[in-house]
């Protein structure tokens, strides 16, 4: 489970776009 800063940013953006605030708080999930 390795998450790079870029990947994390993209993941947060994607999850945010989908409308998942609970995931925004836990981007490492």
N, C-alpha and C. Protein backbone atom coordinates (compact mmCIF):
# COMPACT_ATOMS: atom_id res chain seq x y z
N UNK A 1 0.85 -1.20 0.00
CA UNK A 1 0.00 0.00 0.00
C UNK A 1 0.88 1.24 0.00
N UNK A 2 1.37 1.61 -1.16
CA UNK A 2 2.21 2.81 -1.25
C UNK A 2 1.43 3.89 -1.99
N UNK A 3 1.30 5.05 -1.36
CA UNK A 3 0.56 6.14 -1.99
C UNK A 3 1.46 7.35 -2.15
N UNK A 4 1.64 7.79 -3.36
CA UNK A 4 2.48 8.96 -3.62
C UNK A 4 1.65 10.23 -3.44
N UNK A 5 2.32 11.33 -3.24
CA UNK A 5 1.60 12.60 -3.03
C UNK A 5 0.67 12.88 -4.20
N UNK A 6 1.18 12.70 -5.41
CA UNK A 6 0.36 12.96 -6.60
C UNK A 6 -0.85 12.05 -6.62
N UNK A 7 -0.60 10.77 -6.39
CA UNK A 7 -1.70 9.80 -6.41
C UNK A 7 -2.75 10.18 -5.36
N UNK A 8 -2.27 10.57 -4.20
CA UNK A 8 -3.20 10.93 -3.13
C UNK A 8 -4.06 12.12 -3.56
N UNK A 9 -3.40 13.12 -4.14
CA UNK A 9 -4.14 14.31 -4.59
C UNK A 9 -5.19 13.91 -5.62
N UNK A 10 -4.79 13.12 -6.58
CA UNK A 10 -5.73 12.69 -7.63
C UNK A 10 -6.86 11.88 -7.01
N UNK A 11 -6.52 11.00 -6.08
CA UNK A 11 -7.54 10.18 -5.44
C UNK A 11 -8.55 11.05 -4.70
N UNK A 12 -8.03 12.01 -3.95
CA UNK A 12 -8.93 12.89 -3.19
C UNK A 12 -9.84 13.65 -4.15
N UNK A 13 -9.23 14.15 -5.24
CA UNK A 13 -10.02 14.91 -6.23
C UNK A 13 -11.11 14.03 -6.83
N UNK A 14 -10.73 12.80 -7.18
CA UNK A 14 -11.69 11.88 -7.80
C UNK A 14 -12.82 11.56 -6.81
N UNK A 15 -12.44 11.26 -5.57
CA UNK A 15 -13.45 10.91 -4.57
C UNK A 15 -14.35 12.13 -4.31
N UNK A 16 -13.73 13.30 -4.30
CA UNK A 16 -14.51 14.51 -4.06
C UNK A 16 -15.53 14.68 -5.17
N UNK A 17 -15.09 14.42 -6.39
CA UNK A 17 -15.97 14.57 -7.55
C UNK A 17 -17.14 13.59 -7.44
N UNK A 18 -16.86 12.41 -6.92
CA UNK A 18 -17.91 11.40 -6.77
C UNK A 18 -18.84 11.75 -5.61
N UNK A 19 -18.36 12.60 -4.72
CA UNK A 19 -19.19 13.00 -3.59
C UNK A 19 -19.06 12.02 -2.44
N UNK A 20 -17.81 11.76 -2.02
CA UNK A 20 -17.59 10.82 -0.91
C UNK A 20 -16.75 11.52 0.16
N UNK A 21 -17.38 12.34 1.00
CA UNK A 21 -16.66 13.09 2.03
C UNK A 21 -15.98 12.17 3.03
N UNK A 22 -16.57 11.03 3.30
CA UNK A 22 -15.97 10.11 4.28
C UNK A 22 -14.63 9.60 3.76
N UNK A 23 -14.51 9.50 2.44
CA UNK A 23 -13.24 9.03 1.87
C UNK A 23 -12.23 10.16 1.84
N UNK A 24 -12.74 11.39 1.72
CA UNK A 24 -11.85 12.54 1.70
C UNK A 24 -11.08 12.63 3.02
N UNK A 25 -11.73 12.22 4.10
CA UNK A 25 -11.07 12.28 5.40
C UNK A 25 -10.06 11.16 5.52
N UNK A 26 -10.24 10.10 4.74
CA UNK A 26 -9.31 8.96 4.79
C UNK A 26 -8.84 8.60 3.38
N UNK A 27 -7.96 9.43 2.81
CA UNK A 27 -7.48 9.19 1.44
C UNK A 27 -6.63 7.94 1.34
N UNK A 28 -6.12 7.46 2.47
CA UNK A 28 -5.24 6.28 2.43
C UNK A 28 -6.05 4.99 2.34
N UNK A 29 -7.37 5.12 2.51
CA UNK A 29 -8.21 3.91 2.46
C UNK A 29 -8.05 3.28 1.11
